Structures are given as structure tokens and as C-alpha cells.
C-alpha atoms as a PDB file:
ATOM      1  CA  MET A   1      18.882 -28.446  59.191  1.00  0.00           C
ATOM      2  CA  THR A   2      19.818 -30.937  56.505  1.00  0.00           C
ATOM      3  CA  PHE A   3      21.642 -34.213  57.146  1.00  0.00           C
ATOM      4  CA  SER A   4      24.915 -32.815  55.770  1.00  0.00           C
ATOM      5  CA  GLU A   5      24.726 -29.671  57.886  1.00  0.00           C
ATOM      6  CA  GLN A   6      24.590 -31.501  61.217  1.00  0.00           C
ATOM      7  CA  PRO A   7      27.984 -31.105  62.954  1.00  0.00           C
ATOM      8  CA  LEU A   8      27.551 -34.346  64.906  1.00  0.00           C
ATOM      9  CA  LEU A   9      25.375 -37.205  63.679  1.00  0.00           C
ATOM     10  CA  ILE A  10      24.183 -39.993  65.968  1.00  0.00           C
ATOM     11  CA  PHE A  11      23.205 -43.204  64.187  1.00  0.00           C
ATOM     12  CA  ASP A  12      21.056 -45.919  65.736  1.00  0.00           C
ATOM     13  CA  GLY A  13      22.135 -49.232  67.274  1.00  0.00           C
ATOM     14  CA  ALA A  14      22.097 -52.826  66.091  1.00  0.00           C
ATOM     15  CA  CYS A  15      19.131 -54.002  64.039  1.00  0.00           C
ATOM     16  CA  GLY A  16      19.933 -57.703  63.722  1.00  0.00           C
ATOM     17  CA  THR A  17      20.809 -58.436  67.336  1.00  0.00           C
ATOM     18  CA  SER A  18      17.865 -56.325  68.513  1.00  0.00           C
ATOM     19  CA  LEU A  19      15.462 -58.332  66.356  1.00  0.00           C
ATOM     20  CA  GLN A  20      16.871 -61.556  67.830  1.00  0.00           C
ATOM     21  CA  LEU A  21      15.613 -60.413  71.233  1.00  0.00           C
ATOM     22  CA  MET A  22      12.082 -59.737  69.987  1.00  0.00           C
ATOM     23  CA  ASN A  23       9.181 -62.159  70.022  1.00  0.00           C
ATOM     24  CA  ILE A  24       9.044 -62.779  66.294  1.00  0.00           C
ATOM     25  CA  THR A  25       6.791 -65.684  65.425  1.00  0.00           C
ATOM     26  CA  GLU A  26       7.123 -68.271  62.686  1.00  0.00           C
ATOM     27  CA  ALA A  27       4.197 -66.626  60.910  1.00  0.00           C
ATOM     28  CA  ASP A  28       5.953 -63.252  61.038  1.00  0.00           C
ATOM     29  CA  TRP A  29       8.870 -64.678  59.083  1.00  0.00           C
ATOM     30  CA  ALA A  30       6.552 -65.778  56.259  1.00  0.00           C
ATOM     31  CA  GLY A  31       8.675 -68.825  55.522  1.00  0.00           C
ATOM     32  CA  CYS A  32      11.922 -66.836  55.360  1.00  0.00           C
ATOM     33  CA  GLU A  33      13.245 -67.121  58.900  1.00  0.00           C
ATOM     34  CA  GLY A  34      16.541 -65.336  59.286  1.00  0.00           C
ATOM     35  CA  CYS A  35      15.865 -62.851  56.508  1.00  0.00           C
ATOM     36  CA  ASN A  36      15.452 -59.683  58.560  1.00  0.00           C
ATOM     37  CA  GLU A  37      14.584 -57.696  55.478  1.00  0.00           C
ATOM     38  CA  VAL A  38      11.389 -59.675  54.759  1.00  0.00           C
ATOM     39  CA  LEU A  39       9.941 -58.364  58.029  1.00  0.00           C
ATOM     40  CA  ASN A  40       9.513 -55.006  56.293  1.00  0.00           C
ATOM     41  CA  LEU A  41       6.708 -56.682  54.365  1.00  0.00           C
ATOM     42  CA  SER A  42       5.485 -59.521  56.555  1.00  0.00           C
ATOM     43  CA  ALA A  43       5.634 -57.958  60.030  1.00  0.00           C
ATOM     44  CA  PRO A  44       6.552 -54.264  59.729  1.00  0.00           C
ATOM     45  CA  GLU A  45       5.481 -53.535  63.298  1.00  0.00           C
ATOM     46  CA  HIS A  46       8.691 -55.167  64.551  1.00  0.00           C
ATOM     47  CA  ILE A  47      10.830 -52.917  62.375  1.00  0.00           C
ATOM     48  CA  ILE A  48       8.870 -49.786  63.236  1.00  0.00           C
ATOM     49  CA  ASN A  49       9.065 -50.577  66.961  1.00  0.00           C
ATOM     50  CA  PHE A  50      12.812 -51.127  66.689  1.00  0.00           C
ATOM     51  CA  HIS A  51      13.210 -47.757  64.958  1.00  0.00           C
ATOM     52  CA  LYS A  52      11.057 -46.049  67.574  1.00  0.00           C
ATOM     53  CA  SER A  53      13.171 -47.493  70.383  1.00  0.00           C
ATOM     54  CA  MET A  54      16.269 -45.933  68.846  1.00  0.00           C
ATOM     55  CA  LEU A  55      14.562 -42.594  68.305  1.00  0.00           C
ATOM     56  CA  ASP A  56      13.391 -42.616  71.917  1.00  0.00           C
ATOM     57  CA  ALA A  57      17.015 -43.188  72.931  1.00  0.00           C
ATOM     58  CA  GLY A  58      18.023 -40.071  71.014  1.00  0.00           C
ATOM     59  CA  ALA A  59      19.288 -41.427  67.697  1.00  0.00           C
ATOM     60  CA  MET A  60      19.199 -38.894  64.881  1.00  0.00           C
ATOM     61  CA  VAL A  61      19.695 -41.303  61.971  1.00  0.00           C
ATOM     62  CA  LEU A  62      17.819 -44.545  61.326  1.00  0.00           C
ATOM     63  CA  GLU A  63      19.439 -47.091  59.047  1.00  0.00           C
ATOM     64  CA  THR A  64      16.901 -48.896  56.907  1.00  0.00           C
ATOM     65  CA  ASP A  65      16.436 -52.626  57.431  1.00  0.00           C
ATOM     66  CA  THR A  66      17.992 -53.267  54.010  1.00  0.00           C
ATOM     67  CA  PHE A  67      21.478 -54.533  54.867  1.00  0.00           C
ATOM     68  CA  GLY A  68      20.811 -57.702  52.868  1.00  0.00           C
ATOM     69  CA  ALA A  69      18.164 -56.337  50.520  1.00  0.00           C
ATOM     70  CA  SER A  70      20.061 -56.794  47.267  1.00  0.00           C
ATOM     71  CA  ARG A  71      19.070 -59.311  44.628  1.00  0.00           C
ATOM     72  CA  ILE A  72      22.125 -61.411  45.505  1.00  0.00           C
ATOM     73  CA  VAL A  73      21.194 -61.972  49.147  1.00  0.00           C
ATOM     74  CA  LEU A  74      17.420 -62.056  48.687  1.00  0.00           C
ATOM     75  CA  ALA A  75      17.823 -64.843  46.106  1.00  0.00           C
ATOM     76  CA  GLU A  76      18.870 -67.117  48.982  1.00  0.00           C
ATOM     77  CA  TYR A  77      15.266 -66.831  50.193  1.00  0.00           C
ATOM     78  CA  ASP A  78      13.691 -66.805  46.712  1.00  0.00           C
ATOM     79  CA  LEU A  79      12.876 -63.114  47.169  1.00  0.00           C
ATOM     80  CA  GLN A  80      15.016 -61.743  44.334  1.00  0.00           C
ATOM     81  CA  ASP A  81      11.964 -60.267  42.614  1.00  0.00           C
ATOM     82  CA  LYS A  82      11.039 -58.188  45.676  1.00  0.00           C
ATOM     83  CA  VAL A  83      14.095 -55.915  45.774  1.00  0.00           C
ATOM     84  CA  LYS A  84      12.199 -52.716  45.022  1.00  0.00           C
ATOM     85  CA  GLU A  85       9.248 -53.611  47.265  1.00  0.00           C
ATOM     86  CA  ILE A  86      11.401 -54.483  50.279  1.00  0.00           C
ATOM     87  CA  ASN A  87      13.666 -51.442  49.975  1.00  0.00           C
ATOM     88  CA  THR A  88      10.710 -49.125  49.455  1.00  0.00           C
ATOM     89  CA  ARG A  89       8.820 -50.470  52.440  1.00  0.00           C
ATOM     90  CA  ALA A  90      11.944 -50.303  54.598  1.00  0.00           C
ATOM     91  CA  VAL A  91      12.236 -46.573  53.967  1.00  0.00           C
ATOM     92  CA  GLU A  92       8.525 -46.144  54.595  1.00  0.00           C
ATOM     93  CA  ASN A  93       8.808 -48.006  57.913  1.00  0.00           C
ATOM     94  CA  ALA A  94      11.613 -45.707  59.044  1.00  0.00           C
ATOM     95  CA  ARG A  95       9.565 -42.650  58.052  1.00  0.00           C
ATOM     96  CA  LEU A  96       6.554 -43.995  59.930  1.00  0.00           C
ATOM     97  CA  ALA A  97       8.687 -44.307  63.049  1.00  0.00           C
ATOM     98  CA  ILE A  98       9.988 -40.753  62.662  1.00  0.00           C
ATOM     99  CA  ALA A  99       6.449 -39.444  62.109  1.00  0.00           C
ATOM    100  CA  GLY A 100       7.521 -35.923  61.205  1.00  0.00           C
ATOM    101  CA  GLN A 101      10.057 -35.384  64.018  1.00  0.00           C
ATOM    102  CA  ALA A 102      12.538 -32.633  63.183  1.00  0.00           C
ATOM    103  CA  ASN A 103      16.216 -33.348  62.553  1.00  0.00           C
ATOM    104  CA  LYS A 104      15.676 -37.072  62.141  1.00  0.00           C
ATOM    105  CA  TYR A 105      17.016 -38.789  59.048  1.00  0.00           C
ATOM    106  CA  VAL A 106      16.888 -42.055  57.114  1.00  0.00           C
ATOM    107  CA  ALA A 107      20.067 -43.707  55.857  1.00  0.00           C
ATOM    108  CA  GLY A 108      19.722 -46.296  53.129  1.00  0.00           C
ATOM    109  CA  SER A 109      21.808 -49.297  54.213  1.00  0.00           C
ATOM    110  CA  VAL A 110      23.654 -51.265  51.542  1.00  0.00           C
ATOM    111  CA  GLY A 111      25.572 -54.246  52.921  1.00  0.00           C
ATOM    112  CA  PRO A 112      28.394 -56.212  51.294  1.00  0.00           C
ATOM    113  CA  GLY A 113      26.241 -59.162  50.354  1.00  0.00           C
ATOM    114  CA  THR A 114      27.332 -62.749  50.847  1.00  0.00           C
ATOM    115  CA  LYS A 115      29.636 -63.046  47.838  1.00  0.00           C
ATOM    116  CA  LEU A 116      32.930 -61.184  47.457  1.00  0.00           C
ATOM    117  CA  PRO A 117      34.480 -60.551  44.007  1.00  0.00           C
ATOM    118  CA  SER A 118      38.111 -60.730  45.200  1.00  0.00           C
ATOM    119  CA  LEU A 119      37.465 -64.270  46.400  1.00  0.00           C
ATOM    120  CA  GLY A 120      35.875 -65.274  43.099  1.00  0.00           C
ATOM    121  CA  HIS A 121      32.382 -65.646  44.547  1.00  0.00           C
ATOM    122  CA  ILE A 122      30.765 -63.236  42.086  1.00  0.00           C
ATOM    123  CA  GLU A 123      31.546 -61.296  38.925  1.00  0.00           C
ATOM    124  CA  VAL A 124      32.022 -57.536  39.326  1.00  0.00           C
ATOM    125  CA  SER A 125      29.340 -56.862  36.708  1.00  0.00           C
ATOM    126  CA  GLU A 126      26.757 -58.898  38.645  1.00  0.00           C
ATOM    127  CA  LEU A 127      27.596 -57.144  41.913  1.00  0.00           C
ATOM    128  CA  ALA A 128      27.400 -53.739  40.223  1.00  0.00           C
ATOM    129  CA  SER A 129      24.024 -54.527  38.675  1.00  0.00           C
ATOM    130  CA  ALA A 130      22.582 -55.693  41.995  1.00  0.00           C
ATOM    131  CA  THR A 131      23.883 -52.601  43.787  1.00  0.00           C
ATOM    132  CA  ARG A 132      22.425 -50.266  41.176  1.00  0.00           C
ATOM    133  CA  GLU A 133      19.037 -51.925  41.522  1.00  0.00           C
ATOM    134  CA  GLN A 134      19.018 -51.556  45.309  1.00  0.00           C
ATOM    135  CA  VAL A 135      20.326 -47.994  45.283  1.00  0.00           C
ATOM    136  CA  GLU A 136      17.722 -46.952  42.714  1.00  0.00           C
ATOM    137  CA  ALA A 137      14.970 -48.291  44.979  1.00  0.00           C
ATOM    138  CA  LEU A 138      16.352 -46.551  48.077  1.00  0.00           C
ATOM    139  CA  LEU A 139      16.744 -43.226  46.292  1.00  0.00           C
ATOM    140  CA  GLU A 140      13.280 -43.395  44.779  1.00  0.00           C
ATOM    141  CA  ALA A 141      11.873 -44.083  48.252  1.00  0.00           C
ATOM    142  CA  GLY A 142      13.518 -40.901  49.533  1.00  0.00           C
ATOM    143  CA  VAL A 143      16.496 -41.676  51.790  1.00  0.00           C
ATOM    144  CA  ASP A 144      18.534 -38.791  53.188  1.00  0.00           C
ATOM    145  CA  CYS A 145      21.848 -40.542  52.603  1.00  0.00           C
ATOM    146  CA  LEU A 146      23.333 -43.862  51.532  1.00  0.00           C
ATOM    147  CA  ILE A 147      25.711 -45.926  53.659  1.00  0.00           C
ATOM    148  CA  ILE A 148      27.757 -48.567  51.870  1.00  0.00           C
ATOM    149  CA  GLU A 149      28.648 -50.482  55.010  1.00  0.00           C
ATOM    150  CA  THR A 150      30.470 -53.427  56.530  1.00  0.00           C
ATOM    151  CA  CYS A 151      32.753 -53.485  53.491  1.00  0.00           C
ATOM    152  CA  GLN A 152      35.128 -56.442  53.633  1.00  0.00           C
ATOM    153  CA  ASP A 153      36.749 -56.352  50.192  1.00  0.00           C
ATOM    154  CA  LEU A 154      38.101 -53.224  48.473  1.00  0.00           C
ATOM    155  CA  LEU A 155      37.007 -54.495  45.072  1.00  0.00           C
ATOM    156  CA  GLN A 156      33.496 -55.002  46.444  1.00  0.00           C
ATOM    157  CA  THR A 157      33.619 -51.530  48.032  1.00  0.00           C
ATOM    158  CA  LYS A 158      34.749 -49.750  44.901  1.00  0.00           C
ATOM    159  CA  THR A 159      32.246 -51.661  42.752  1.00  0.00           C
ATOM    160  CA  ALA A 160      29.381 -50.678  45.054  1.00  0.00           C
ATOM    161  CA  LEU A 161      30.488 -47.039  45.198  1.00  0.00           C
ATOM    162  CA  ILE A 162      30.897 -46.730  41.437  1.00  0.00           C
ATOM    163  CA  ALA A 163      27.415 -48.214  40.985  1.00  0.00           C
ATOM    164  CA  ALA A 164      25.921 -45.877  43.598  1.00  0.00           C
ATOM    165  CA  PHE A 165      27.478 -42.754  42.115  1.00  0.00           C
ATOM    166  CA  GLU A 166      26.378 -43.779  38.612  1.00  0.00           C
ATOM    167  CA  VAL A 167      22.795 -43.972  39.848  1.00  0.00           C
ATOM    168  CA  LEU A 168      23.099 -40.640  41.658  1.00  0.00           C
ATOM    169  CA  GLU A 169      24.442 -38.957  38.532  1.00  0.00           C
ATOM    170  CA  HIS A 170      21.675 -40.434  36.398  1.00  0.00           C
ATOM    171  CA  CYS A 171      18.971 -39.420  38.879  1.00  0.00           C
ATOM    172  CA  ARG A 172      20.585 -36.033  39.541  1.00  0.00           C
ATOM    173  CA  GLN A 173      20.092 -36.479  43.276  1.00  0.00           C
ATOM    174  CA  PRO A 174      22.746 -34.898  45.542  1.00  0.00           C
ATOM    175  CA  VAL A 175      22.432 -37.506  48.289  1.00  0.00           C
ATOM    176  CA  PRO A 176      25.453 -37.917  50.614  1.00  0.00           C
ATOM    177  CA  VAL A 177      27.241 -41.258  50.334  1.00  0.00           C
ATOM    178  CA  MET A 178      29.049 -42.803  53.305  1.00  0.00           C
ATOM    179  CA  ALA A 179      31.518 -45.668  53.138  1.00  0.00           C
ATOM    180  CA  SER A 180      32.165 -47.830  56.182  1.00  0.00           C
ATOM    181  CA  VAL A 181      34.703 -50.638  56.152  1.00  0.00           C
ATOM    182  CA  THR A 182      35.162 -53.556  58.511  1.00  0.00           C
ATOM    183  CA  ILE A 183      38.647 -54.081  59.930  1.00  0.00           C
ATOM    184  CA  GLU A 184      39.091 -57.431  61.647  1.00  0.00           C
ATOM    185  CA  GLN A 185      40.966 -57.824  64.936  1.00  0.00           C
ATOM    186  CA  GLN A 186      44.148 -58.772  63.073  1.00  0.00           C
ATOM    187  CA  GLY A 187      44.233 -55.254  61.603  1.00  0.00           C
ATOM    188  CA  THR A 188      43.017 -55.672  58.017  1.00  0.00           C
ATOM    189  CA  MET A 189      39.846 -56.129  56.042  1.00  0.00           C
ATOM    190  CA  LEU A 190      38.767 -59.726  55.428  1.00  0.00           C
ATOM    191  CA  VAL A 191      40.757 -59.920  52.197  1.00  0.00           C
ATOM    192  CA  GLY A 192      43.889 -58.301  53.650  1.00  0.00           C
ATOM    193  CA  SER A 193      43.741 -54.545  52.974  1.00  0.00           C
ATOM    194  CA  ASP A 194      44.787 -52.203  55.775  1.00  0.00           C
ATOM    195  CA  ILE A 195      43.384 -48.761  56.549  1.00  0.00           C
ATOM    196  CA  ALA A 196      46.090 -46.999  54.510  1.00  0.00           C
ATOM    197  CA  ALA A 197      45.079 -48.998  51.443  1.00  0.00           C
ATOM    198  CA  VAL A 198      41.439 -48.140  52.115  1.00  0.00           C
ATOM    199  CA  VAL A 199      42.192 -44.410  52.206  1.00  0.00           C
ATOM    200  CA  ALA A 200      44.287 -44.581  49.047  1.00  0.00           C
ATOM    201  CA  ALA A 201      41.625 -46.561  47.175  1.00  0.00           C
ATOM    202  CA  LEU A 202      38.645 -44.441  48.223  1.00  0.00           C
ATOM    203  CA  GLU A 203      40.215 -40.977  48.132  1.00  0.00           C
ATOM    204  CA  PRO A 204      39.064 -40.336  44.520  1.00  0.00           C
ATOM    205  CA  PHE A 205      35.379 -40.840  45.396  1.00  0.00           C
ATOM    206  CA  PRO A 206      33.241 -37.831  46.417  1.00  0.00           C
ATOM    207  CA  LEU A 207      32.342 -39.420  49.732  1.00  0.00           C
ATOM    208  CA  PHE A 208      30.561 -37.631  52.560  1.00  0.00           C
ATOM    209  CA  SER A 209      32.429 -39.755  55.089  1.00  0.00           C
ATOM    210  CA  LEU A 210      34.645 -42.763  55.599  1.00  0.00           C
ATOM    211  CA  GLY A 211      34.766 -44.868  58.719  1.00  0.00           C
ATOM    212  CA  LEU A 212      34.604 -48.236  60.426  1.00  0.00           C
ATOM    213  CA  ASN A 213      31.806 -50.469  61.605  1.00  0.00           C
ATOM    214  CA  CYS A 214      31.274 -54.000  62.904  1.00  0.00           C
ATOM    215  CA  ALA A 215      33.856 -56.771  63.597  1.00  0.00           C
ATOM    216  CA  THR A 216      35.259 -55.282  66.811  1.00  0.00           C
ATOM    217  CA  GLY A 217      34.481 -52.915  69.644  1.00  0.00           C
ATOM    218  CA  PRO A 218      35.764 -49.341  69.800  1.00  0.00           C
ATOM    219  CA  GLN A 219      39.010 -50.293  71.571  1.00  0.00           C
ATOM    220  CA  ASP A 220      40.291 -52.250  68.557  1.00  0.00           C
ATOM    221  CA  MET A 221      39.434 -49.377  66.231  1.00  0.00           C
ATOM    222  CA  ILE A 222      41.653 -46.771  67.893  1.00  0.00           C
ATOM    223  CA  SER A 223      44.741 -47.090  65.666  1.00  0.00           C
ATOM    224  CA  HIS A 224      42.647 -47.123  62.492  1.00  0.00           C
ATOM    225  CA  ILE A 225      40.669 -44.067  63.571  1.00  0.00           C
ATOM    226  CA  ASN A 226      43.912 -42.302  64.465  1.00  0.00           C
ATOM    227  CA  TYR A 227      45.100 -42.941  60.913  1.00  0.00           C
ATOM    228  CA  LEU A 228      41.873 -41.604  59.438  1.00  0.00           C
ATOM    229  CA  SER A 229      42.039 -38.566  61.708  1.00  0.00           C
ATOM    230  CA  GLU A 230      45.456 -37.690  60.308  1.00  0.00           C
ATOM    231  CA  ASN A 231      44.990 -38.751  56.685  1.00  0.00           C
ATOM    232  CA  TRP A 232      41.315 -38.582  55.668  1.00  0.00           C
ATOM    233  CA  PRO A 233      40.188 -35.018  54.844  1.00  0.00           C
ATOM    234  CA  LYS A 234      36.442 -35.521  55.122  1.00  0.00           C
ATOM    235  CA  ARG A 235      34.151 -36.688  57.886  1.00  0.00           C
ATOM    236  CA  ILE A 236      34.833 -39.860  59.876  1.00  0.00           C
ATOM    237  CA  SER A 237      32.273 -42.348  61.171  1.00  0.00           C
ATOM    238  CA  VAL A 238      32.701 -44.879  63.965  1.00  0.00           C
ATOM    239  CA  ILE A 239      29.956 -47.499  64.408  1.00  0.00           C
ATOM    240  CA  PRO A 240      31.475 -50.381  66.420  1.00  0.00           C
ATOM    241  CA  ASN A 241      30.104 -53.530  67.950  1.00  0.00           C
ATOM    242  CA  GLN A 242      29.381 -53.712  71.664  1.00  0.00           C
ATOM    243  CA  GLY A 243      32.895 -55.035  72.128  1.00  0.00           C
ATOM    244  CA  LEU A 244      34.253 -58.345  70.854  1.00  0.00           C
ATOM    245  CA  PRO A 245      31.606 -61.074  71.028  1.00  0.00           C
ATOM    246  CA  GLU A 246      32.029 -63.826  73.598  1.00  0.00           C
ATOM    247  CA  VAL A 247      30.268 -67.183  73.813  1.00  0.00           C
ATOM    248  CA  VAL A 248      28.760 -67.678  77.280  1.00  0.00           C
ATOM    249  CA  ASN A 249      26.717 -70.810  77.998  1.00  0.00           C
ATOM    250  CA  GLY A 250      26.358 -71.412  74.292  1.00  0.00           C
ATOM    251  CA  GLU A 251      25.096 -67.903  73.538  1.00  0.00           C
ATOM    252  CA  THR A 252      26.865 -64.997  71.870  1.00  0.00           C
ATOM    253  CA  CYS A 253      27.257 -62.067  74.252  1.00  0.00           C
ATOM    254  CA  TYR A 254      28.777 -58.625  73.867  1.00  0.00           C
ATOM    255  CA  PRO A 255      30.625 -57.276  76.915  1.00  0.00           C
ATOM    256  CA  LEU A 256      30.625 -53.468  76.797  1.00  0.00           C
ATOM    257  CA  SER A 257      28.237 -51.705  79.146  1.00  0.00           C
ATOM    258  CA  PRO A 258      26.351 -48.687  77.795  1.00  0.00           C
ATOM    259  CA  GLU A 259      28.549 -46.380  79.893  1.00  0.00           C
ATOM    260  CA  ASP A 260      31.857 -47.901  78.733  1.00  0.00           C
ATOM    261  CA  TYR A 261      30.727 -47.812  75.125  1.00  0.00           C
ATOM    262  CA  ALA A 262      29.601 -44.184  75.426  1.00  0.00           C
ATOM    263  CA  GLU A 263      32.856 -43.091  77.038  1.00  0.00           C
ATOM    264  CA  GLN A 264      35.008 -44.642  74.327  1.00  0.00           C
ATOM    265  CA  MET A 265      32.858 -43.058  71.633  1.00  0.00           C
ATOM    266  CA  TYR A 266      33.112 -39.684  73.355  1.00  0.00           C
ATOM    267  CA  GLN A 267      36.900 -39.934  73.213  1.00  0.00           C
ATOM    268  CA  PHE A 268      36.746 -40.504  69.438  1.00  0.00           C
ATOM    269  CA  VAL A 269      34.731 -37.315  69.043  1.00  0.00           C
ATOM    270  CA  VAL A 270      36.824 -34.993  71.191  1.00  0.00           C
ATOM    271  CA  ASN A 271      40.266 -36.470  70.473  1.00  0.00           C
ATOM    272  CA  GLN A 272      40.101 -37.763  66.873  1.00  0.00           C
ATOM    273  CA  GLY A 273      37.489 -35.438  65.404  1.00  0.00           C
ATOM    274  CA  VAL A 274      34.949 -38.166  64.647  1.00  0.00           C
ATOM    275  CA  SER A 275      31.622 -36.551  63.750  1.00  0.00           C
ATOM    276  CA  ILE A 276      29.409 -39.578  62.999  1.00  0.00           C
ATOM    277  CA  VAL A 277      28.806 -42.143  65.752  1.00  0.00           C
ATOM    278  CA  GLY A 278      26.479 -45.074  66.294  1.00  0.00           C
ATOM    279  CA  GLY A 279      26.362 -48.738  67.155  1.00  0.00           C
ATOM    280  CA  CYS A 280      26.660 -52.051  65.343  1.00  0.00           C
ATOM    281  CA  CYS A 281      26.183 -55.634  66.581  1.00  0.00           C
ATOM    282  CA  GLY A 282      25.012 -55.897  70.175  1.00  0.00           C
ATOM    283  CA  THR A 283      24.389 -52.208  70.774  1.00  0.00           C
ATOM    284  CA  SER A 284      20.934 -51.618  72.239  1.00  0.00           C
ATOM    285  CA  SER A 285      18.788 -48.556  72.771  1.00  0.00           C
ATOM    286  CA  ALA A 286      20.433 -48.298  76.205  1.00  0.00           C
ATOM    287  CA  HIS A 287      23.834 -47.919  74.514  1.00  0.00           C
ATOM    288  CA  ILE A 288      22.527 -45.205  72.215  1.00  0.00           C
ATOM    289  CA  ALA A 289      20.884 -43.411  75.138  1.00  0.00           C
ATOM    290  CA  ALA A 290      24.180 -43.482  77.057  1.00  0.00           C
ATOM    291  CA  LEU A 291      25.999 -42.219  73.977  1.00  0.00           C
ATOM    292  CA  VAL A 292      23.567 -39.343  73.504  1.00  0.00           C
ATOM    293  CA  LYS A 293      23.952 -38.341  77.148  1.00  0.00           C
ATOM    294  CA  ARG A 294      27.764 -38.543  77.098  1.00  0.00           C
ATOM    295  CA  ILE A 295      28.330 -36.505  73.950  1.00  0.00           C
ATOM    296  CA  ALA A 296      25.733 -33.844  74.741  1.00  0.00           C
ATOM    297  CA  GLY A 297      27.417 -30.526  74.045  1.00  0.00           C
ATOM    298  CA  ALA A 298      30.582 -32.145  72.692  1.00  0.00           C
ATOM    299  CA  LYS A 299      32.193 -30.788  69.547  1.00  0.00           C
ATOM    300  CA  PRO A 300      34.326 -32.891  67.206  1.00  0.00           C
ATOM    301  CA  LYS A 301      37.975 -31.910  67.455  1.00  0.00           C
ATOM    302  CA  GLN A 302      39.249 -29.787  64.585  1.00  0.00           C
ATOM    303  CA  ARG A 303      41.655 -31.968  62.636  1.00  0.00           C
ATOM    304  CA  GLU A 304      44.795 -31.117  60.689  1.00  0.00           C
ATOM    305  CA  VAL A 305      44.996 -33.690  57.939  1.00  0.00           C
ATOM    306  CA  LEU A 306      48.459 -34.535  56.612  1.00  0.00           C
ATOM    307  CA  VAL A 307      48.756 -33.902  52.888  1.00  0.00           C
END
């Protein structure tokens, strides 16, 4: 069965916070500590082991370790000339973890970068060029879908999507494209757009799905997912954090237990018709395992979208 044909897709859990818990040495970082993407080249065993832990938990879709693998972000580590190499190896590492398992897929992750056009950090043309370069590398490496994720600025989102679809048209590759926005606790994206504005802005794009990830836990996503359930005609994804982060004894902690997380995600599936689920910051293999167990046999609710 192809990626698009799966009625319920289970994405993996958090890459960044999982890597923080691993024993990654100074040598592993190759002088670029904090750049998770460089580990695809310098210490791929950490990335492959992370992927395997999520597969063992029951995840169907592995996101590549390429969230910050655009020229814009990699330049902060003087790695701007390794865009193709890092993205290619990231896909290869995910495939190595899958090792031929059936009904397992690789999603090419494209993050928002560290500079937003609406805030004047970067020109639209520069952002578009960097996105095209990364998307070309991911497609050439053979991803099953693209996820333009953690979008914080509608101008950034639309720029990235236009660039991605231009590459897809040029390459003649019918790869599904997902868009996932980040809604802060105050109810809007970082630059002020609400979920209604997101739907209106992204409706013209031939997206496979639209959804939310990061920033908050599932509880704070309920009203936004309700809106999508009633107003977005295509598939919906929900990939939340393990609750709102808390600082305990100087360390960032996420409060939701695997069981609580799984139950809230189950409710999205059966009550709002969400058909793509997974975890963002804080979510471990235990959270994905609990999710897989809870939604076993569940079917996304049939939605009636208001027109």
C-alpha cells in the first residue's frame, strides 16, 4: 500500500529531544554541536538508532533528520555547501533503519528555518531558493512525501510551498506534500495569523494534508483541530508536543504521560476525523508505542466539511 492509500498514518516522535538524551560525544558533533543534521554525516548510528526505536514502537512514517537542513540554517555552522549531502544521507539513514519493512515510509522534513520573511529577516527570493535546493535533494534521494512543518509565518509557509510544488512540477514526481503550522498558546501563529487565515491562505494549494505540530500539547490544539475538521476538506494531521514544557530544577520537562498523550490523540481520530498522528518535542518511543496501542483498530471519523 502506498503512503497516500493508508487510511491512518502514524508518524514518529521527537528527534531533537530524543537526541538530547543520547550519549553523543564531542567528536560525534564534528565541531558543530547543536546541529542535529550534521550527525547524518558524522555519526549516523545515532540517527539510525533513533529511527529504529520509533519503528520498534510501531511508527509507520519516519521524518528525516533534515528539519534545519536548508542552506539558511546550515550556514550558521559553515555547512551551507553540504545541503545535498546532508539531505541525501538523512534519507539513506531512514531507509537503513527501515531495512525493507513493508508499509514503512520516509517523510522529507523541511523546517521553517531561523529567519522569517514577514519579520524582515530574509528576502522571499532567498527563502524560496533555499527551499528549492533542499526539496530537490530530498526528492532525488527518494522520500515518500514532503512535510513543510512547524510553520510560523504564512508568508514563509506559502513561499516554501510554492517552491516545493515548482520542484515537483519540474521533476514530474507526484509526491504528497503536507503542511503543518504551529499555533502558539495564545491562539495564533508567531506572526499573528489564526487557523481560519491559515485555511484561507493554503486552500489553493494541492496539499495532501494540513495540520498542527509543536508549540503546545494536544489539549491546546482542540479548538484549532475542530475548525479544521469542519472547514478543511482534505486530510488533517496532529503532531503535538508532550504537553506544554515546564522548567523543573533548571531542566525543560514535558508533562504528558504516554497514556494521556495516546488518549487525547485517539479522541482526535474518532471525534474530529484526524488521519495523521505523531509526536513533536518531548514525545518518546514510549509515547508512540502507547499511541499505536490506543488507536489500534480505530477509524478516523467521516467528516462533513462546511462549504
